[in-house]
């Protein structure tokens, strides 16, 4: 089996879907075999593409607030793995960023996840990540997030923390009142185990 270091080098050099990427390839992810917390997300946005740092935008600010962790902890690959469904910015459509490129997950995801044997909690963000990690759990993001108890305490689905989801958050106050406090407690417990 390829080592994780070699695999990450290969992923970061990937040009599999270069012809479809408006800004060209720049795979963005973080992973370490010691990570205990996995964030499975969608794909980098434009700002993340520019900086090369996952969730380095307003969505990331909200996500870190939801999780109750600092930037320092969030960007420590030894503790937190961030492996989106697509590693490169896919471009922008009429209603926001385009979906993750379909070539990415089949090419890399299983191999990467096979190296993350210490994961104790997986956060699944958005529709595409939910379809991969929690198939047949619901037809909408809302249904999947509402069914959070099915996979707790190992996995939980969240809506994307984008400001575009402010309306969803207003319509679903239970999410911030009921689920987020439990998510914060679980993240803190898992990261404390990492020492």
N, C-alpha and C. Protein backbone atom coordinates (compact mmCIF):
# COMPACT_ATOMS: atom_id res chain seq x y z
N UNK A 1 0.85 -1.19 0.00
CA UNK A 1 0.00 0.00 0.00
C UNK A 1 0.89 1.25 0.00
N UNK A 2 0.49 2.23 -0.76
CA UNK A 2 1.21 3.50 -0.83
C UNK A 2 1.14 4.20 0.52
N UNK A 3 2.24 4.80 0.95
CA UNK A 3 2.23 5.53 2.22
C UNK A 3 1.34 6.76 2.09
N UNK A 4 0.87 7.25 3.23
CA UNK A 4 0.03 8.44 3.21
C UNK A 4 0.81 9.63 2.68
N UNK A 5 2.07 9.77 3.06
CA UNK A 5 2.89 10.90 2.57
C UNK A 5 3.00 10.87 1.05
N UNK A 6 3.24 9.69 0.49
CA UNK A 6 3.34 9.56 -0.97
C UNK A 6 2.00 9.85 -1.62
N UNK A 7 0.94 9.33 -1.03
CA UNK A 7 -0.40 9.55 -1.57
C UNK A 7 -0.76 11.04 -1.56
N UNK A 8 -0.46 11.75 -0.47
CA UNK A 8 -0.74 13.18 -0.41
C UNK A 8 0.06 13.94 -1.47
N UNK A 9 1.30 13.53 -1.70
CA UNK A 9 2.10 14.16 -2.75
C UNK A 9 1.45 13.95 -4.11
N UNK A 10 0.96 12.74 -4.36
CA UNK A 10 0.29 12.44 -5.63
C UNK A 10 -1.00 13.24 -5.78
N UNK A 11 -1.78 13.32 -4.71
CA UNK A 11 -3.04 14.08 -4.74
C UNK A 11 -2.74 15.55 -5.05
N UNK A 12 -1.76 16.11 -4.38
CA UNK A 12 -1.45 17.54 -4.56
C UNK A 12 -0.89 17.84 -5.94
N UNK A 13 -0.43 16.81 -6.65
CA UNK A 13 0.07 16.99 -8.02
C UNK A 13 -0.97 16.61 -9.07
N UNK A 14 -2.17 16.24 -8.63
CA UNK A 14 -3.21 15.75 -9.55
C UNK A 14 -3.64 16.82 -10.55
N UNK A 15 -3.80 16.39 -11.79
CA UNK A 15 -4.33 17.25 -12.86
C UNK A 15 -5.46 16.54 -13.60
N UNK A 16 -6.05 15.54 -12.96
CA UNK A 16 -7.06 14.69 -13.58
C UNK A 16 -8.17 15.47 -14.29
N UNK A 17 -8.68 16.53 -13.68
CA UNK A 17 -9.79 17.27 -14.28
C UNK A 17 -9.39 18.72 -14.61
N UNK A 18 -8.12 18.94 -14.86
CA UNK A 18 -7.60 20.29 -15.10
C UNK A 18 -8.37 21.04 -16.18
N UNK A 19 -8.77 20.35 -17.23
CA UNK A 19 -9.45 21.03 -18.34
C UNK A 19 -10.82 21.58 -17.94
N UNK A 20 -11.36 21.13 -16.82
CA UNK A 20 -12.67 21.57 -16.37
C UNK A 20 -12.61 22.62 -15.26
N UNK A 21 -11.42 22.95 -14.81
CA UNK A 21 -11.27 23.86 -13.68
C UNK A 21 -10.93 25.27 -14.15
N UNK A 22 -11.78 26.25 -13.86
CA UNK A 22 -11.56 27.60 -14.38
C UNK A 22 -10.28 28.27 -13.87
N UNK A 23 -9.82 27.89 -12.68
CA UNK A 23 -8.59 28.47 -12.14
C UNK A 23 -7.44 27.47 -12.14
N UNK A 24 -7.65 26.33 -12.77
CA UNK A 24 -6.62 25.30 -12.81
C UNK A 24 -6.62 24.48 -11.53
N UNK A 25 -5.86 23.39 -11.54
CA UNK A 25 -5.83 22.53 -10.36
C UNK A 25 -5.01 23.13 -9.22
N UNK A 26 -5.53 22.99 -8.03
CA UNK A 26 -4.82 23.28 -6.79
C UNK A 26 -5.51 22.49 -5.69
N UNK A 27 -5.19 21.20 -5.59
CA UNK A 27 -5.83 20.37 -4.58
C UNK A 27 -5.56 20.88 -3.17
N UNK A 28 -6.63 21.00 -2.40
CA UNK A 28 -6.55 21.52 -1.02
C UNK A 28 -7.17 20.48 -0.08
N UNK A 29 -6.36 19.99 0.84
CA UNK A 29 -6.80 19.05 1.86
C UNK A 29 -5.74 18.99 2.94
N UNK A 30 -6.08 18.35 4.06
CA UNK A 30 -5.07 18.08 5.08
C UNK A 30 -5.39 16.74 5.71
N UNK A 31 -4.33 15.97 5.99
CA UNK A 31 -4.54 14.65 6.57
C UNK A 31 -3.25 14.17 7.22
N UNK A 32 -3.43 13.39 8.26
CA UNK A 32 -2.34 12.73 8.95
C UNK A 32 -2.90 11.43 9.51
N UNK A 33 -2.08 10.41 9.57
CA UNK A 33 -2.53 9.12 10.11
C UNK A 33 -2.94 9.23 11.56
N UNK A 34 -2.47 10.24 12.27
CA UNK A 34 -2.81 10.39 13.69
C UNK A 34 -4.12 11.14 13.92
N UNK A 35 -4.69 11.74 12.88
CA UNK A 35 -5.92 12.53 13.03
C UNK A 35 -7.04 11.69 13.63
N UNK A 36 -7.79 12.29 14.54
CA UNK A 36 -8.91 11.60 15.19
C UNK A 36 -10.26 12.17 14.76
N UNK A 37 -10.24 13.30 14.07
CA UNK A 37 -11.46 14.00 13.68
C UNK A 37 -11.38 14.27 12.18
N UNK A 38 -12.38 13.82 11.43
CA UNK A 38 -12.42 13.99 9.98
C UNK A 38 -13.54 14.93 9.60
N UNK A 39 -13.21 15.93 8.79
CA UNK A 39 -14.21 16.80 8.19
C UNK A 39 -14.30 16.42 6.71
N UNK A 40 -15.43 15.84 6.34
CA UNK A 40 -15.70 15.46 4.95
C UNK A 40 -16.61 16.53 4.37
N UNK A 41 -16.07 17.34 3.49
CA UNK A 41 -16.82 18.49 2.98
C UNK A 41 -17.05 18.37 1.48
N UNK A 42 -17.36 19.50 0.84
CA UNK A 42 -17.72 19.52 -0.57
C UNK A 42 -16.50 19.70 -1.47
N UNK A 43 -16.08 20.97 -1.64
CA UNK A 43 -14.94 21.33 -2.49
C UNK A 43 -14.50 22.73 -2.09
N UNK A 44 -13.26 23.07 -2.32
CA UNK A 44 -12.79 24.41 -1.95
C UNK A 44 -13.51 25.51 -2.73
N UNK A 45 -13.69 26.64 -2.07
CA UNK A 45 -14.19 27.82 -2.75
C UNK A 45 -13.04 28.62 -3.36
N UNK A 46 -13.36 29.73 -3.97
CA UNK A 46 -12.36 30.55 -4.65
C UNK A 46 -11.28 31.05 -3.67
N UNK A 47 -11.68 31.53 -2.50
CA UNK A 47 -10.70 32.05 -1.55
C UNK A 47 -9.79 30.94 -1.04
N UNK A 48 -10.35 29.77 -0.81
CA UNK A 48 -9.54 28.63 -0.39
C UNK A 48 -8.56 28.26 -1.50
N UNK A 49 -9.01 28.29 -2.74
CA UNK A 49 -8.12 28.02 -3.87
C UNK A 49 -6.95 29.00 -3.85
N UNK A 50 -7.24 30.26 -3.62
CA UNK A 50 -6.20 31.29 -3.64
C UNK A 50 -5.19 31.11 -2.51
N UNK A 51 -5.66 30.70 -1.33
CA UNK A 51 -4.76 30.60 -0.17
C UNK A 51 -4.19 29.20 0.03
N UNK A 52 -4.86 28.19 -0.51
CA UNK A 52 -4.41 26.82 -0.32
C UNK A 52 -4.67 26.26 1.07
N UNK A 53 -5.53 26.93 1.84
CA UNK A 53 -5.82 26.54 3.21
C UNK A 53 -7.31 26.18 3.30
N UNK A 54 -7.65 24.95 3.71
CA UNK A 54 -9.06 24.54 3.75
C UNK A 54 -9.89 25.44 4.67
N UNK A 55 -11.08 25.76 4.23
CA UNK A 55 -12.02 26.55 5.02
C UNK A 55 -11.42 27.87 5.50
N UNK A 56 -10.59 28.47 4.70
CA UNK A 56 -10.00 29.77 5.03
C UNK A 56 -10.88 30.86 4.45
N UNK A 57 -12.11 30.95 4.97
CA UNK A 57 -13.10 31.89 4.46
C UNK A 57 -14.19 32.06 5.52
N UNK A 58 -15.24 32.78 5.19
CA UNK A 58 -16.31 33.00 6.18
C UNK A 58 -17.01 31.70 6.56
N UNK A 59 -17.09 30.76 5.63
CA UNK A 59 -17.67 29.45 5.97
C UNK A 59 -16.82 28.76 7.02
N UNK A 60 -15.51 28.87 6.89
CA UNK A 60 -14.61 28.27 7.87
C UNK A 60 -14.72 28.93 9.23
N UNK A 61 -14.89 30.26 9.23
CA UNK A 61 -15.08 30.96 10.50
C UNK A 61 -16.31 30.43 11.22
N UNK A 62 -17.40 30.27 10.47
CA UNK A 62 -18.64 29.75 11.07
C UNK A 62 -18.44 28.31 11.52
N UNK A 63 -17.79 27.50 10.70
CA UNK A 63 -17.58 26.10 11.06
C UNK A 63 -16.76 25.97 12.34
N UNK A 64 -15.68 26.74 12.45
CA UNK A 64 -14.86 26.68 13.67
C UNK A 64 -15.68 27.12 14.89
N UNK A 65 -16.56 28.10 14.70
CA UNK A 65 -17.44 28.52 15.79
C UNK A 65 -18.40 27.38 16.15
N UNK A 66 -18.99 26.75 15.13
CA UNK A 66 -19.88 25.62 15.39
C UNK A 66 -19.17 24.53 16.18
N UNK A 67 -17.89 24.29 15.86
CA UNK A 67 -17.15 23.20 16.49
C UNK A 67 -16.54 23.59 17.82
N UNK A 68 -16.42 24.90 18.06
CA UNK A 68 -15.82 25.37 19.29
C UNK A 68 -14.32 25.15 19.34
N UNK A 69 -13.65 25.25 18.19
CA UNK A 69 -12.19 25.06 18.17
C UNK A 69 -11.51 26.25 17.50
N UNK A 70 -10.27 26.44 17.84
CA UNK A 70 -9.47 27.55 17.32
C UNK A 70 -8.92 27.21 15.93
N UNK A 71 -8.45 28.24 15.25
CA UNK A 71 -7.77 28.02 13.96
C UNK A 71 -6.55 27.13 14.15
N UNK A 72 -5.84 27.32 15.25
CA UNK A 72 -4.63 26.54 15.50
C UNK A 72 -4.95 25.04 15.55
N UNK A 73 -5.98 24.66 16.28
CA UNK A 73 -6.37 23.26 16.36
C UNK A 73 -6.94 22.79 15.03
N UNK A 74 -7.78 23.60 14.42
CA UNK A 74 -8.43 23.25 13.15
C UNK A 74 -7.39 22.91 12.08
N UNK A 75 -6.31 23.67 12.03
CA UNK A 75 -5.29 23.46 10.99
C UNK A 75 -4.14 22.57 11.44
N UNK A 76 -4.32 21.83 12.51
CA UNK A 76 -3.33 20.86 12.95
C UNK A 76 -3.71 19.51 12.36
N UNK A 77 -3.05 19.12 11.28
CA UNK A 77 -3.38 17.88 10.57
C UNK A 77 -3.20 16.66 11.46
N UNK A 78 -2.39 16.77 12.49
CA UNK A 78 -2.21 15.63 13.40
C UNK A 78 -3.49 15.34 14.17
N UNK A 79 -4.37 16.34 14.27
CA UNK A 79 -5.62 16.18 15.01
C UNK A 79 -6.85 16.14 14.09
N UNK A 80 -6.84 17.02 13.09
CA UNK A 80 -8.02 17.21 12.23
C UNK A 80 -7.66 16.93 10.77
N UNK A 81 -8.34 15.96 10.18
CA UNK A 81 -8.21 15.71 8.74
C UNK A 81 -9.35 16.43 8.03
N UNK A 82 -9.02 17.10 6.93
CA UNK A 82 -10.04 17.77 6.12
C UNK A 82 -9.91 17.21 4.71
N UNK A 83 -10.86 16.37 4.34
CA UNK A 83 -10.81 15.66 3.06
C UNK A 83 -12.13 15.90 2.33
N UNK A 84 -12.18 16.92 1.48
CA UNK A 84 -13.42 17.20 0.75
C UNK A 84 -13.69 16.19 -0.36
N UNK A 85 -14.87 16.22 -0.91
CA UNK A 85 -15.23 15.33 -2.01
C UNK A 85 -14.47 15.68 -3.29
N UNK A 86 -14.21 16.96 -3.46
CA UNK A 86 -13.38 17.43 -4.57
C UNK A 86 -12.29 18.31 -3.99
N UNK A 87 -11.08 18.16 -4.48
CA UNK A 87 -9.96 18.88 -3.88
C UNK A 87 -9.67 20.23 -4.52
N UNK A 88 -10.27 20.51 -5.66
CA UNK A 88 -10.01 21.76 -6.37
C UNK A 88 -11.28 22.59 -6.51
N UNK A 89 -11.10 23.91 -6.62
CA UNK A 89 -12.23 24.81 -6.84
C UNK A 89 -12.87 24.48 -8.18
N UNK A 90 -14.16 24.10 -8.18
CA UNK A 90 -14.81 23.66 -9.41
C UNK A 90 -15.35 24.79 -10.29
N UNK A 91 -15.37 26.00 -9.78
CA UNK A 91 -15.94 27.11 -10.52
C UNK A 91 -17.25 27.56 -9.90
N UNK A 92 -17.79 28.62 -10.44
CA UNK A 92 -19.00 29.22 -9.89
C UNK A 92 -20.14 29.11 -10.90
N UNK A 93 -21.32 28.77 -10.39
CA UNK A 93 -22.52 28.71 -11.21
C UNK A 93 -23.48 29.82 -10.82
N UNK A 94 -24.73 29.72 -11.26
CA UNK A 94 -25.72 30.75 -10.98
C UNK A 94 -26.09 30.84 -9.51
N UNK A 95 -26.05 29.71 -8.80
CA UNK A 95 -26.50 29.69 -7.41
C UNK A 95 -25.36 29.44 -6.43
N UNK A 96 -24.14 29.74 -6.83
CA UNK A 96 -22.99 29.50 -5.95
C UNK A 96 -21.96 28.65 -6.64
N UNK A 97 -21.06 28.08 -5.86
CA UNK A 97 -20.02 27.24 -6.44
C UNK A 97 -20.62 25.99 -7.07
N UNK A 98 -19.96 25.53 -8.12
CA UNK A 98 -20.39 24.30 -8.79
C UNK A 98 -20.12 23.10 -7.88
N UNK A 99 -20.74 21.96 -8.19
CA UNK A 99 -20.48 20.75 -7.39
C UNK A 99 -19.03 20.30 -7.52
N UNK A 100 -18.57 19.48 -6.59
CA UNK A 100 -17.23 18.91 -6.72
C UNK A 100 -17.11 18.15 -8.04
N UNK A 101 -15.95 18.18 -8.64
CA UNK A 101 -15.75 17.43 -9.88
C UNK A 101 -15.96 15.94 -9.61
N UNK A 102 -16.66 15.23 -10.52
CA UNK A 102 -16.98 13.83 -10.27
C UNK A 102 -15.77 12.89 -10.38
N UNK A 103 -14.67 13.35 -10.94
CA UNK A 103 -13.49 12.49 -11.09
C UNK A 103 -12.73 12.31 -9.78
N UNK A 104 -12.84 13.27 -8.90
CA UNK A 104 -11.96 13.34 -7.74
C UNK A 104 -12.19 12.22 -6.72
N UNK A 105 -13.38 12.07 -6.23
CA UNK A 105 -13.64 11.08 -5.18
C UNK A 105 -13.31 9.65 -5.63
N UNK A 106 -13.73 9.21 -6.83
CA UNK A 106 -13.38 7.84 -7.24
C UNK A 106 -11.87 7.63 -7.37
N UNK A 107 -11.16 8.67 -7.74
CA UNK A 107 -9.71 8.53 -7.94
C UNK A 107 -8.94 8.46 -6.63
N UNK A 108 -9.39 9.18 -5.60
CA UNK A 108 -8.55 9.36 -4.42
C UNK A 108 -9.17 8.99 -3.07
N UNK A 109 -10.48 9.07 -2.95
CA UNK A 109 -11.10 9.06 -1.63
C UNK A 109 -10.86 7.76 -0.84
N UNK A 110 -11.11 6.63 -1.43
CA UNK A 110 -10.95 5.37 -0.70
C UNK A 110 -9.52 5.19 -0.22
N UNK A 111 -8.55 5.49 -1.07
CA UNK A 111 -7.15 5.33 -0.68
C UNK A 111 -6.80 6.25 0.49
N UNK A 112 -7.24 7.51 0.42
CA UNK A 112 -6.95 8.44 1.51
C UNK A 112 -7.60 7.99 2.82
N UNK A 113 -8.87 7.67 2.76
CA UNK A 113 -9.58 7.28 3.98
C UNK A 113 -9.02 6.00 4.59
N UNK A 114 -8.46 5.13 3.77
CA UNK A 114 -7.89 3.89 4.31
C UNK A 114 -6.69 4.15 5.22
N UNK A 115 -6.07 5.29 5.09
CA UNK A 115 -4.93 5.65 5.94
C UNK A 115 -5.36 6.33 7.25
N UNK A 116 -6.62 6.72 7.34
CA UNK A 116 -7.10 7.46 8.52
C UNK A 116 -7.76 6.51 9.51
N UNK A 117 -6.98 5.65 10.09
CA UNK A 117 -7.49 4.58 10.95
C UNK A 117 -7.79 5.04 12.37
N UNK A 118 -7.37 6.24 12.75
CA UNK A 118 -7.60 6.72 14.12
C UNK A 118 -8.80 7.65 14.23
N UNK A 119 -9.54 7.82 13.15
CA UNK A 119 -10.69 8.72 13.17
C UNK A 119 -11.74 8.18 14.15
N UNK A 120 -12.18 9.06 15.06
CA UNK A 120 -13.21 8.71 16.03
C UNK A 120 -14.50 9.47 15.82
N UNK A 121 -14.43 10.52 15.00
CA UNK A 121 -15.63 11.33 14.74
C UNK A 121 -15.51 11.92 13.35
N UNK A 122 -16.55 11.76 12.56
CA UNK A 122 -16.58 12.28 11.19
C UNK A 122 -17.73 13.26 11.06
N UNK A 123 -17.39 14.42 10.57
CA UNK A 123 -18.35 15.48 10.31
C UNK A 123 -18.58 15.51 8.80
N UNK A 124 -19.82 15.31 8.37
CA UNK A 124 -20.15 15.21 6.95
C UNK A 124 -20.93 16.47 6.56
N UNK A 125 -20.30 17.30 5.74
CA UNK A 125 -20.86 18.62 5.43
C UNK A 125 -21.36 18.69 4.00
N UNK A 126 -22.64 18.95 3.86
CA UNK A 126 -23.23 19.20 2.55
C UNK A 126 -23.70 17.95 1.82
N UNK A 127 -24.48 18.20 0.80
CA UNK A 127 -25.18 17.13 0.07
C UNK A 127 -24.26 16.09 -0.57
N UNK A 128 -23.17 16.52 -1.21
CA UNK A 128 -22.31 15.56 -1.92
C UNK A 128 -21.55 14.67 -0.95
N UNK A 129 -21.07 15.23 0.14
CA UNK A 129 -20.39 14.43 1.16
C UNK A 129 -21.39 13.49 1.84
N UNK A 130 -22.61 13.97 2.05
CA UNK A 130 -23.63 13.13 2.68
C UNK A 130 -23.99 11.96 1.77
N UNK A 131 -24.08 12.19 0.48
CA UNK A 131 -24.41 11.10 -0.45
C UNK A 131 -23.33 10.01 -0.42
N UNK A 132 -22.09 10.40 -0.22
CA UNK A 132 -20.98 9.44 -0.18
C UNK A 132 -20.92 8.72 1.17
N UNK A 133 -20.92 9.48 2.26
CA UNK A 133 -20.71 8.92 3.59
C UNK A 133 -21.98 8.39 4.25
N UNK A 134 -23.13 8.95 3.88
CA UNK A 134 -24.40 8.55 4.50
C UNK A 134 -25.46 8.32 3.42
N UNK A 135 -25.20 7.38 2.51
CA UNK A 135 -26.17 7.16 1.43
C UNK A 135 -27.49 6.64 1.98
N UNK A 136 -28.56 6.97 1.30
CA UNK A 136 -29.90 6.48 1.64
C UNK A 136 -30.39 6.94 3.01
N UNK A 137 -29.89 8.08 3.49
CA UNK A 137 -30.31 8.58 4.79
C UNK A 137 -31.40 9.64 4.68
N UNK A 138 -31.68 10.10 3.47
CA UNK A 138 -32.71 11.12 3.27
C UNK A 138 -32.56 11.74 1.91
N UNK A 139 -33.61 12.39 1.47
CA UNK A 139 -33.59 13.01 0.14
C UNK A 139 -33.04 14.42 0.16
N UNK A 140 -32.99 15.04 1.31
CA UNK A 140 -32.52 16.42 1.39
C UNK A 140 -31.51 16.56 2.51
N UNK A 141 -30.74 17.63 2.46
CA UNK A 141 -29.79 17.91 3.53
C UNK A 141 -30.53 17.98 4.86
N UNK A 142 -31.68 18.61 4.86
CA UNK A 142 -32.45 18.74 6.10
C UNK A 142 -32.80 17.37 6.68
N UNK A 143 -33.29 16.46 5.84
CA UNK A 143 -33.64 15.12 6.33
C UNK A 143 -32.43 14.40 6.90
N UNK A 144 -31.30 14.52 6.23
CA UNK A 144 -30.09 13.82 6.69
C UNK A 144 -29.61 14.42 8.01
N UNK A 145 -29.61 15.74 8.11
CA UNK A 145 -29.16 16.38 9.36
C UNK A 145 -30.13 16.05 10.50
N UNK A 146 -31.42 16.06 10.22
CA UNK A 146 -32.42 15.74 11.26
C UNK A 146 -32.27 14.31 11.78
N UNK A 147 -31.71 13.42 10.97
CA UNK A 147 -31.54 12.02 11.37
C UNK A 147 -30.18 11.79 12.04
N UNK A 148 -29.63 12.81 12.68
CA UNK A 148 -28.28 12.76 13.22
C UNK A 148 -28.09 11.63 14.24
N UNK A 149 -29.14 11.25 14.93
CA UNK A 149 -29.01 10.22 15.98
C UNK A 149 -28.66 8.85 15.41
N UNK A 150 -28.93 8.60 14.14
CA UNK A 150 -28.69 7.29 13.53
C UNK A 150 -27.22 6.87 13.59
N UNK A 151 -26.32 7.82 13.47
CA UNK A 151 -24.90 7.48 13.39
C UNK A 151 -24.08 8.07 14.53
N UNK A 152 -24.75 8.72 15.46
CA UNK A 152 -24.08 9.32 16.60
C UNK A 152 -23.57 8.21 17.51
N UNK A 153 -22.39 8.29 18.09
CA UNK A 153 -21.48 9.44 18.15
C UNK A 153 -20.32 9.38 17.16
N UNK A 154 -20.40 8.47 16.17
CA UNK A 154 -19.28 8.32 15.23
C UNK A 154 -19.31 9.32 14.08
N UNK A 155 -20.51 9.64 13.61
CA UNK A 155 -20.67 10.47 12.43
C UNK A 155 -21.85 11.40 12.62
N UNK A 156 -21.73 12.62 12.11
CA UNK A 156 -22.87 13.53 12.13
C UNK A 156 -22.84 14.36 10.84
N UNK A 157 -24.02 14.59 10.30
CA UNK A 157 -24.16 15.42 9.11
C UNK A 157 -24.53 16.84 9.51
N UNK A 158 -23.93 17.80 8.82
CA UNK A 158 -24.25 19.21 9.04
C UNK A 158 -24.55 19.87 7.71
N UNK A 159 -25.31 20.95 7.72
CA UNK A 159 -25.45 21.75 6.50
C UNK A 159 -24.13 22.46 6.25
N UNK A 160 -23.95 22.95 5.06
CA UNK A 160 -22.74 23.71 4.79
C UNK A 160 -22.79 25.01 5.60
N UNK A 161 -21.67 25.43 6.19
CA UNK A 161 -21.67 26.65 7.01
C UNK A 161 -21.64 27.95 6.21
N UNK A 162 -21.86 27.88 4.94
CA UNK A 162 -21.86 29.06 4.08
C UNK A 162 -22.93 30.07 4.49
N UNK A 163 -22.65 31.36 4.34
CA UNK A 163 -23.68 32.37 4.57
C UNK A 163 -24.91 32.16 3.69
N UNK A 164 -24.76 31.43 2.58
CA UNK A 164 -25.92 31.13 1.72
C UNK A 164 -26.95 30.29 2.45
N UNK A 165 -26.56 29.67 3.56
CA UNK A 165 -27.49 28.82 4.31
C UNK A 165 -28.10 29.53 5.51
N UNK A 166 -28.00 30.84 5.57
CA UNK A 166 -28.60 31.58 6.69
C UNK A 166 -30.10 31.32 6.78
N UNK A 167 -30.76 31.24 5.66
CA UNK A 167 -32.21 30.98 5.66
C UNK A 167 -32.50 29.60 6.25
N UNK A 168 -31.69 28.61 5.87
CA UNK A 168 -31.87 27.26 6.43
C UNK A 168 -31.70 27.30 7.94
N UNK A 169 -30.71 28.02 8.43
CA UNK A 169 -30.47 28.10 9.88
C UNK A 169 -31.64 28.76 10.59
N UNK A 170 -32.22 29.80 9.98
CA UNK A 170 -33.39 30.46 10.59
C UNK A 170 -34.59 29.52 10.63
N UNK A 171 -34.75 28.70 9.60
CA UNK A 171 -35.90 27.79 9.53
C UNK A 171 -35.73 26.56 10.41
N UNK A 172 -34.52 26.30 10.85
CA UNK A 172 -34.23 25.10 11.63
C UNK A 172 -33.49 25.46 12.92
N UNK A 173 -34.14 26.20 13.83
CA UNK A 173 -33.46 26.64 15.04
C UNK A 173 -33.00 25.49 15.93
N UNK A 174 -33.63 24.33 15.82
CA UNK A 174 -33.22 23.15 16.58
C UNK A 174 -31.76 22.80 16.32
N UNK A 175 -31.27 23.10 15.12
CA UNK A 175 -29.90 22.74 14.76
C UNK A 175 -28.89 23.40 15.72
N UNK A 176 -29.03 24.72 15.89
CA UNK A 176 -28.09 25.43 16.77
C UNK A 176 -28.41 25.21 18.25
N UNK A 177 -29.67 24.99 18.56
CA UNK A 177 -30.07 24.83 19.96
C UNK A 177 -29.80 23.42 20.49
N UNK A 178 -30.07 22.42 19.67
CA UNK A 178 -30.02 21.03 20.13
C UNK A 178 -28.75 20.31 19.68
N UNK A 179 -28.42 20.41 18.40
CA UNK A 179 -27.33 19.59 17.87
C UNK A 179 -25.94 20.18 18.08
N UNK A 180 -25.78 21.47 17.82
CA UNK A 180 -24.43 22.04 17.91
C UNK A 180 -23.79 21.90 19.29
N UNK A 181 -24.50 22.08 20.40
CA UNK A 181 -23.84 21.86 21.69
C UNK A 181 -23.29 20.43 21.83
N UNK A 182 -24.01 19.44 21.30
CA UNK A 182 -23.54 18.06 21.36
C UNK A 182 -22.33 17.86 20.46
N UNK A 183 -22.35 18.49 19.29
CA UNK A 183 -21.21 18.39 18.37
C UNK A 183 -19.96 18.99 19.04
N UNK A 184 -20.10 20.15 19.66
CA UNK A 184 -18.95 20.77 20.35
C UNK A 184 -18.39 19.86 21.43
N UNK A 185 -19.28 19.25 22.21
CA UNK A 185 -18.84 18.34 23.27
C UNK A 185 -18.10 17.14 22.68
N UNK A 186 -18.63 16.58 21.59
CA UNK A 186 -18.01 15.41 20.97
C UNK A 186 -16.65 15.76 20.39
N UNK A 187 -16.56 16.89 19.71
CA UNK A 187 -15.27 17.31 19.14
C UNK A 187 -14.25 17.50 20.26
N UNK A 188 -14.64 18.17 21.33
CA UNK A 188 -13.72 18.41 22.44
C UNK A 188 -13.25 17.08 23.04
N UNK A 189 -14.16 16.12 23.20
CA UNK A 189 -13.79 14.83 23.79
C UNK A 189 -12.83 14.08 22.88
N UNK A 190 -13.10 14.07 21.59
CA UNK A 190 -12.25 13.34 20.64
C UNK A 190 -10.86 13.97 20.57
N UNK A 191 -10.80 15.29 20.53
CA UNK A 191 -9.51 15.96 20.45
C UNK A 191 -8.74 15.82 21.76
N UNK A 192 -9.43 15.76 22.88
CA UNK A 192 -8.76 15.56 24.16
C UNK A 192 -8.11 14.19 24.23
N UNK A 193 -8.72 13.20 23.60
CA UNK A 193 -8.14 11.85 23.56
C UNK A 193 -6.84 11.84 22.77
N UNK A 194 -6.74 12.76 21.81
CA UNK A 194 -5.53 12.82 20.97
C UNK A 194 -4.35 13.35 21.79
N UNK A 195 -4.65 14.01 22.90
CA UNK A 195 -3.62 14.45 23.80
C UNK A 195 -2.88 15.66 23.29
